PDB file of N, CA and C in Angstrom:
ATOM      1  N   UNK A   1       0.839  -1.174   0.000  1.00  0.00           N
ATOM      2  CA  UNK A   1       0.000   0.000   0.000  1.00  0.00           C
ATOM      3  C   UNK A   1       0.893   1.249   0.000  1.00  0.00           C
ATOM      4  N   UNK A   2       0.464   2.269  -0.696  1.00  0.00           N
ATOM      5  CA  UNK A   2       1.184   3.532  -0.773  1.00  0.00           C
ATOM      6  C   UNK A   2       0.493   4.551   0.126  1.00  0.00           C
ATOM      7  N   UNK A   3       1.286   5.226   0.965  1.00  0.00           N
ATOM      8  CA  UNK A   3       0.749   6.259   1.836  1.00  0.00           C
ATOM      9  C   UNK A   3       1.362   7.605   1.467  1.00  0.00           C
ATOM     10  N   UNK A   4       0.576   8.638   1.638  1.00  0.00           N
ATOM     11  CA  UNK A   4       1.021   9.998   1.334  1.00  0.00           C
ATOM     12  C   UNK A   4       1.594  10.625   2.593  1.00  0.00           C
ATOM     13  N   UNK A   5       2.725  11.322   2.443  1.00  0.00           N
ATOM     14  CA  UNK A   5       3.348  11.975   3.585  1.00  0.00           C
ATOM     15  C   UNK A   5       3.931  13.315   3.151  1.00  0.00           C
ATOM     16  N   UNK A   6       4.125  14.204   4.105  1.00  0.00           N
ATOM     17  CA  UNK A   6       4.718  15.520   3.835  1.00  0.00           C
ATOM     18  C   UNK A   6       6.106  15.561   4.457  1.00  0.00           C
ATOM     19  N   UNK A   7       7.077  16.041   3.697  1.00  0.00           N
ATOM     20  CA  UNK A   7       8.425  16.223   4.218  1.00  0.00           C
ATOM     21  C   UNK A   7       9.044  17.409   3.503  1.00  0.00           C
ATOM     22  N   UNK A   8       9.546  18.362   4.255  1.00  0.00           N
ATOM     23  CA  UNK A   8      10.158  19.574   3.684  1.00  0.00           C
ATOM     24  C   UNK A   8       9.210  20.286   2.723  1.00  0.00           C
ATOM     25  N   UNK A   9       7.938  20.380   3.109  1.00  0.00           N
ATOM     26  CA  UNK A   9       6.898  21.031   2.308  1.00  0.00           C
ATOM     27  C   UNK A   9       6.699  20.391   0.935  1.00  0.00           C
ATOM     28  N   UNK A  10       7.047  19.125   0.806  1.00  0.00           N
ATOM     29  CA  UNK A  10       6.865  18.377  -0.443  1.00  0.00           C
ATOM     30  C   UNK A  10       6.025  17.147  -0.124  1.00  0.00           C
ATOM     31  N   UNK A  11       5.111  16.799  -1.015  1.00  0.00           N
ATOM     32  CA  UNK A  11       4.310  15.593  -0.847  1.00  0.00           C
ATOM     33  C   UNK A  11       5.074  14.405  -1.417  1.00  0.00           C
ATOM     34  N   UNK A  12       5.208  13.368  -0.600  1.00  0.00           N
ATOM     35  CA  UNK A  12       5.887  12.142  -1.004  1.00  0.00           C
ATOM     36  C   UNK A  12       4.907  10.983  -0.873  1.00  0.00           C
ATOM     37  N   UNK A  13       5.180   9.937  -1.626  1.00  0.00           N
ATOM     38  CA  UNK A  13       4.369   8.724  -1.580  1.00  0.00           C
ATOM     39  C   UNK A  13       5.289   7.581  -1.177  1.00  0.00           C
ATOM     40  N   UNK A  14       4.976   6.960  -0.052  1.00  0.00           N
ATOM     41  CA  UNK A  14       5.849   5.956   0.542  1.00  0.00           C
ATOM     42  C   UNK A  14       5.245   4.569   0.418  1.00  0.00           C
ATOM     43  N   UNK A  15       6.056   3.635  -0.034  1.00  0.00           N
ATOM     44  CA  UNK A  15       5.650   2.236  -0.082  1.00  0.00           C
ATOM     45  C   UNK A  15       5.702   1.691   1.338  1.00  0.00           C
ATOM     46  N   UNK A  16       4.583   1.194   1.841  1.00  0.00           N
ATOM     47  CA  UNK A  16       4.551   0.665   3.211  1.00  0.00           C
ATOM     48  C   UNK A  16       5.308  -0.653   3.339  1.00  0.00           C
ATOM     49  N   UNK A  17       5.510  -1.344   2.254  1.00  0.00           N
ATOM     50  CA  UNK A  17       6.209  -2.630   2.307  1.00  0.00           C
ATOM     51  C   UNK A  17       7.710  -2.458   2.526  1.00  0.00           C
ATOM     52  N   UNK A  18       8.356  -1.563   1.761  1.00  0.00           N
ATOM     53  CA  UNK A  18       9.813  -1.452   1.833  1.00  0.00           C
ATOM     54  C   UNK A  18      10.300  -0.075   2.298  1.00  0.00           C
ATOM     55  N   UNK A  19       9.416   0.926   2.335  1.00  0.00           N
ATOM     56  CA  UNK A  19       9.802   2.251   2.815  1.00  0.00           C
ATOM     57  C   UNK A  19      10.329   3.192   1.751  1.00  0.00           C
ATOM     58  N   UNK A  20      10.436   2.734   0.513  1.00  0.00           N
ATOM     59  CA  UNK A  20      10.932   3.581  -0.568  1.00  0.00           C
ATOM     60  C   UNK A  20       9.950   4.722  -0.814  1.00  0.00           C
ATOM     61  N   UNK A  21      10.481   5.931  -1.039  1.00  0.00           N
ATOM     62  CA  UNK A  21       9.636   7.112  -1.219  1.00  0.00           C
ATOM     63  C   UNK A  21       9.735   7.636  -2.649  1.00  0.00           C
ATOM     64  N   UNK A  22       8.599   8.109  -3.158  1.00  0.00           N
ATOM     65  CA  UNK A  22       8.498   8.626  -4.520  1.00  0.00           C
ATOM     66  C   UNK A  22       7.842   9.994  -4.493  1.00  0.00           C
ATOM     67  N   UNK A  23       8.215  10.844  -5.448  1.00  0.00           N
ATOM     68  CA  UNK A  23       7.569  12.154  -5.532  1.00  0.00           C
ATOM     69  C   UNK A  23       6.396  12.139  -6.497  1.00  0.00           C
ATOM     70  N   UNK A  24       6.200  11.018  -7.182  1.00  0.00           N
ATOM     71  CA  UNK A  24       5.102  10.874  -8.133  1.00  0.00           C
ATOM     72  C   UNK A  24       4.217   9.694  -7.716  1.00  0.00           C
ATOM     73  N   UNK A  25       2.936   9.955  -7.557  1.00  0.00           N
ATOM     74  CA  UNK A  25       2.009   8.926  -7.076  1.00  0.00           C
ATOM     75  C   UNK A  25       1.952   7.728  -8.022  1.00  0.00           C
ATOM     76  N   UNK A  26       1.972   7.980  -9.309  1.00  0.00           N
ATOM     77  CA  UNK A  26       1.906   6.882 -10.277  1.00  0.00           C
ATOM     78  C   UNK A  26       3.161   6.010 -10.225  1.00  0.00           C
ATOM     79  N   UNK A  27       4.332   6.639 -10.020  1.00  0.00           N
ATOM     80  CA  UNK A  27       5.566   5.863  -9.869  1.00  0.00           C
ATOM     81  C   UNK A  27       5.471   4.964  -8.639  1.00  0.00           C
ATOM     82  N   UNK A  28       4.924   5.504  -7.569  1.00  0.00           N
ATOM     83  CA  UNK A  28       4.774   4.723  -6.336  1.00  0.00           C
ATOM     84  C   UNK A  28       3.835   3.549  -6.552  1.00  0.00           C
ATOM     85  N   UNK A  29       2.755   3.770  -7.244  1.00  0.00           N
ATOM     86  CA  UNK A  29       1.800   2.681  -7.500  1.00  0.00           C
ATOM     87  C   UNK A  29       2.406   1.616  -8.413  1.00  0.00           C
ATOM     88  N   UNK A  30       3.195   2.049  -9.400  1.00  0.00           N
ATOM     89  CA  UNK A  30       3.858   1.091 -10.285  1.00  0.00           C
ATOM     90  C   UNK A  30       4.863   0.255  -9.485  1.00  0.00           C
ATOM     91  N   UNK A  31       5.598   0.903  -8.597  1.00  0.00           N
ATOM     92  CA  UNK A  31       6.552   0.189  -7.748  1.00  0.00           C
ATOM     93  C   UNK A  31       5.828  -0.810  -6.853  1.00  0.00           C
ATOM     94  N   UNK A  32       4.711  -0.408  -6.316  1.00  0.00           N
ATOM     95  CA  UNK A  32       3.955  -1.240  -5.381  1.00  0.00           C
ATOM     96  C   UNK A  32       3.615  -2.602  -5.984  1.00  0.00           C
ATOM     97  N   UNK A  33       3.291  -2.620  -7.258  1.00  0.00           N
ATOM     98  CA  UNK A  33       2.915  -3.892  -7.887  1.00  0.00           C
ATOM     99  C   UNK A  33       4.113  -4.829  -8.051  1.00  0.00           C
ATOM    100  N   UNK A  34       5.345  -4.276  -8.030  1.00  0.00           N
ATOM    101  CA  UNK A  34       6.547  -5.094  -8.188  1.00  0.00           C
ATOM    102  C   UNK A  34       7.326  -5.282  -6.886  1.00  0.00           C
ATOM    103  N   UNK A  35       6.882  -4.661  -5.819  1.00  0.00           N
ATOM    104  CA  UNK A  35       7.626  -4.669  -4.560  1.00  0.00           C
ATOM    105  C   UNK A  35       7.608  -6.060  -3.926  1.00  0.00           C
ATOM    106  N   UNK A  36       8.801  -6.493  -3.457  1.00  0.00           N
ATOM    107  CA  UNK A  36       8.883  -7.787  -2.786  1.00  0.00           C
ATOM    108  C   UNK A  36       8.857  -7.659  -1.263  1.00  0.00           C
ATOM    109  N   UNK A  37       8.690  -6.427  -0.776  1.00  0.00           N
ATOM    110  CA  UNK A  37       8.561  -6.213   0.658  1.00  0.00           C
ATOM    111  C   UNK A  37       9.869  -6.088   1.403  1.00  0.00           C
ATOM    112  N   UNK A  38      10.986  -6.137   0.692  1.00  0.00           N
ATOM    113  CA  UNK A  38      12.283  -5.993   1.342  1.00  0.00           C
ATOM    114  C   UNK A  38      12.861  -4.628   1.021  1.00  0.00           C
ATOM    115  N   UNK A  39      13.730  -4.138   1.904  1.00  0.00           N
ATOM    116  CA  UNK A  39      14.371  -2.856   1.642  1.00  0.00           C
ATOM    117  C   UNK A  39      15.263  -3.001   0.409  1.00  0.00           C
ATOM    118  N   UNK A  40      15.270  -1.990  -0.450  1.00  0.00           N
ATOM    119  CA  UNK A  40      16.152  -2.049  -1.617  1.00  0.00           C
ATOM    120  C   UNK A  40      17.611  -2.195  -1.181  1.00  0.00           C
ATOM    121  N   UNK A  41      18.378  -2.983  -1.899  1.00  0.00           N
ATOM    122  CA  UNK A  41      19.752  -3.279  -1.509  1.00  0.00           C
ATOM    123  C   UNK A  41      20.666  -2.057  -1.562  1.00  0.00           C
ATOM    124  N   UNK A  42      20.294  -1.026  -2.326  1.00  0.00           N
ATOM    125  CA  UNK A  42      21.159   0.142  -2.445  1.00  0.00           C
ATOM    126  C   UNK A  42      20.929   1.162  -1.344  1.00  0.00           C
ATOM    127  N   UNK A  43      19.962   0.937  -0.466  1.00  0.00           N
ATOM    128  CA  UNK A  43      19.741   1.837   0.660  1.00  0.00           C
ATOM    129  C   UNK A  43      20.514   1.291   1.853  1.00  0.00           C
ATOM    130  N   UNK A  44      21.395   2.078   2.382  1.00  0.00           N
ATOM    131  CA  UNK A  44      22.237   1.654   3.512  1.00  0.00           C
ATOM    132  C   UNK A  44      21.680   2.186   4.804  1.00  0.00           C
TER     133      UNK A  44
END
């Protein structure tokens, strides 16, 4: 599920499964359908 959040006066869309944030709602929804629920390996 994608949730909307505000940070630094910008609206972000966060994937509840892995925590990845997007500035475009459609990008977030597209990611959601492919998300495996794990944190992306490039986020440290």
